[in-house]
Amino acid sequence: MVTIVTKAQGPRPEDVRMREILRRNQGTITRIADHITAGGYSARKAPKPAPEASGLIISTGAASRPDTTAAAPSVRISVNGRVCLVDGNTGYQLHHLGTLQRRGGEEIFVLATDANGFIAPVAPEIAAPLGTLDGTRLSPSYGEDELAAEIGVRLGIG
């Protein structure tokens, strides 16, 4: 015959006896542990003091932004071909407008839209004035500086 013991019946009697022995002899167990570890056992169980902030630099992990009353937007074309609208006071990117891509040996401005495969397309109020610049080819006479100036004029910032 098989006897089935489940947890619903409670702890086993030998476990109850062992817990009671450990509870009654806790002081002796602690003294022996402190003797073996040269006081380290009780020292590890003692509450640790809270760290003090004197002389420390505390970072919340968030990027700090300087206080500015108004942004000074400008168009920046980076070395890797990203065309962005940035705040001239802080250098923070306000909008990603598109990229300069090399196609067939020519550099072309590609506006950041859904149709061009961008995950985060530019806002419609920015895309409307820049729509005709999508696909513009850069040449020696019409380079990055001229493109940035044209974007600034169309957005009313240049």
Protein backbone atom coordinates (compact mmCIF):
# COMPACT_ATOMS: atom_id res chain seq x y z
CA MET A 1 0.00 0.00 0.00
CA VAL A 2 1.24 3.52 -0.88
CA THR A 3 0.80 6.50 1.39
CA ILE A 4 0.60 9.87 -0.37
CA VAL A 5 1.82 12.84 1.65
CA THR A 6 0.94 16.29 0.32
CA LYS A 7 1.83 19.80 1.47
CA ALA A 8 -1.79 20.32 2.40
CA GLN A 9 -1.21 18.04 5.38
CA GLY A 10 1.43 20.42 6.74
CA PRO A 11 5.16 20.04 7.35
CA ARG A 12 6.67 16.71 8.17
CA PRO A 13 7.11 16.00 11.90
CA GLU A 14 10.91 15.72 11.59
CA ASP A 15 11.01 19.18 9.92
CA VAL A 16 8.96 20.64 12.78
CA ARG A 17 11.34 19.14 15.35
CA MET A 18 14.44 20.41 13.51
CA ARG A 19 13.06 23.96 13.22
CA GLU A 20 12.27 23.96 16.94
CA ILE A 21 15.83 22.78 17.80
CA LEU A 22 17.34 25.51 15.60
CA ARG A 23 15.06 28.17 17.11
CA ARG A 24 15.92 27.17 20.71
CA ASN A 25 19.67 27.03 19.98
CA GLN A 26 19.92 30.17 17.81
CA GLY A 27 22.11 32.00 20.36
CA THR A 28 24.61 29.13 20.51
CA ILE A 29 24.64 28.82 16.71
CA THR A 30 25.34 32.56 16.37
CA ARG A 31 28.19 32.44 18.93
CA ILE A 32 29.83 29.50 17.12
CA ALA A 33 29.43 31.21 13.72
CA ASP A 34 30.96 34.43 15.10
CA HIS A 35 33.86 32.46 16.61
CA ILE A 36 34.57 30.69 13.30
CA THR A 37 34.31 33.87 11.18
CA ALA A 38 35.99 36.22 13.71
CA GLY A 39 32.76 38.22 14.11
CA GLY A 40 31.99 38.34 10.39
CA TYR A 41 28.69 36.46 10.72
CA SER A 42 27.08 39.11 12.95
CA ALA A 43 28.77 41.93 11.03
CA ARG A 44 27.12 40.77 7.78
CA LYS A 45 23.71 40.68 9.47
CA ALA A 46 24.09 44.19 10.95
CA PRO A 47 22.26 46.97 9.05
CA LYS A 48 24.52 48.94 6.72
CA PRO A 49 24.69 52.74 7.09
CA ALA A 50 23.13 54.74 4.26
CA PRO A 51 25.64 56.35 1.88
CA GLU A 52 26.30 60.03 2.43
CA ALA A 53 26.21 62.51 -0.42
CA SER A 54 28.95 64.86 0.79
CA GLY A 55 31.54 65.48 -1.90
CA LEU A 56 29.84 63.18 -4.41
CA ILE A 57 28.43 63.95 -7.82
CA ILE A 58 25.00 62.38 -8.07
CA SER A 59 23.69 61.65 -11.55
CA THR A 60 20.07 60.75 -12.17
CA GLY A 61 21.00 59.25 -15.54
CA ALA A 62 18.87 61.71 -17.47
CA ALA A 63 20.51 64.10 -19.89
CA SER A 64 20.56 67.60 -18.52
CA ARG A 65 19.26 70.33 -20.77
CA PRO A 66 20.38 73.91 -20.32
CA ASP A 67 17.64 76.41 -19.60
CA THR A 68 16.84 78.37 -22.73
CA THR A 69 13.93 80.63 -23.35
CA ALA A 70 13.65 80.01 -27.08
CA ALA A 71 15.26 77.60 -29.49
CA ALA A 72 17.42 78.98 -32.29
CA PRO A 73 16.77 76.43 -35.07
CA SER A 74 19.31 75.89 -37.82
CA VAL A 75 19.90 73.22 -40.45
CA ARG A 76 22.91 70.94 -40.02
CA ILE A 77 24.22 68.33 -42.43
CA SER A 78 26.46 65.87 -40.61
CA VAL A 79 29.47 64.03 -41.99
CA ASN A 80 27.45 60.82 -42.39
CA GLY A 81 24.79 62.59 -44.48
CA ARG A 82 22.05 63.18 -41.90
CA VAL A 83 20.13 66.39 -42.51
CA CYS A 84 18.74 67.66 -39.20
CA LEU A 85 17.07 70.70 -37.74
CA VAL A 86 19.03 71.52 -34.57
CA ASP A 87 18.84 74.08 -31.79
CA GLY A 88 21.77 76.44 -32.31
CA ASN A 89 21.91 77.31 -28.59
CA THR A 90 22.21 73.77 -27.24
CA GLY A 91 23.11 71.61 -30.25
CA TYR A 92 20.18 69.27 -29.58
CA GLN A 93 18.44 67.76 -32.58
CA LEU A 94 14.89 69.06 -33.04
CA HIS A 95 13.92 67.12 -36.20
CA HIS A 96 15.54 64.63 -38.55
CA LEU A 97 14.69 65.99 -42.01
CA GLY A 98 16.32 63.38 -44.25
CA THR A 99 19.60 62.04 -45.54
CA LEU A 100 22.05 62.54 -48.37
CA GLN A 101 22.36 59.26 -50.24
CA ARG A 102 24.72 58.29 -53.03
CA ARG A 103 22.84 56.82 -56.00
CA GLY A 104 24.48 56.19 -59.33
CA GLY A 105 27.50 58.29 -58.46
CA GLU A 106 25.40 61.30 -57.43
CA GLU A 107 24.48 62.62 -54.01
CA ILE A 108 20.72 62.99 -53.60
CA PHE A 109 18.68 64.52 -50.76
CA VAL A 110 16.05 62.03 -49.55
CA LEU A 111 13.29 63.54 -47.40
CA ALA A 112 12.38 61.51 -44.29
CA THR A 113 8.90 60.28 -45.29
CA ASP A 114 6.98 57.00 -45.12
CA ALA A 115 7.21 56.71 -48.89
CA ASN A 116 11.02 56.80 -48.68
CA GLY A 117 11.06 54.05 -46.03
CA PHE A 118 11.84 56.09 -42.93
CA ILE A 119 10.59 54.62 -39.64
CA ALA A 120 10.08 58.05 -38.06
CA PRO A 121 8.89 60.35 -40.85
CA VAL A 122 9.12 64.10 -40.61
CA ALA A 123 5.99 65.98 -39.45
CA PRO A 124 3.53 66.96 -42.21
CA GLU A 125 3.93 70.69 -41.49
CA ILE A 126 7.66 70.31 -42.18
CA ALA A 127 7.27 67.88 -45.10
CA ALA A 128 4.92 70.20 -47.04
CA PRO A 129 7.44 73.00 -47.75
CA LEU A 130 10.30 70.53 -48.29
CA GLY A 131 8.41 68.11 -50.56
CA THR A 132 9.82 69.51 -53.80
CA LEU A 133 13.38 69.15 -52.49
CA ASP A 134 12.98 65.36 -52.21
CA GLY A 135 15.30 63.81 -54.80
CA THR A 136 17.36 66.99 -55.33
CA ARG A 137 20.77 66.18 -56.79
CA LEU A 138 23.81 67.90 -55.33
CA SER A 139 26.46 69.19 -57.71
CA PRO A 140 29.59 71.35 -57.47
CA SER A 141 27.43 74.45 -57.99
CA TYR A 142 24.65 73.30 -55.61
CA GLY A 143 26.31 71.64 -52.61
CA GLU A 144 25.48 70.89 -48.98
CA ASP A 145 25.68 74.53 -47.89
CA GLU A 146 23.24 75.63 -50.58
CA LEU A 147 20.87 72.77 -49.71
CA ALA A 148 20.97 73.70 -46.01
CA ALA A 149 20.31 77.35 -46.86
CA GLU A 150 17.38 76.40 -49.14
CA ILE A 151 15.85 74.20 -46.40
CA GLY A 152 16.24 77.05 -43.91
CA VAL A 153 14.51 79.51 -46.25
CA ARG A 154 11.61 77.11 -46.91
CA LEU A 155 11.13 76.50 -43.18
CA GLY A 156 11.37 80.22 -42.43
CA ILE A 157 14.49 80.01 -40.28
CA GLY A 158 17.15 81.25 -42.68
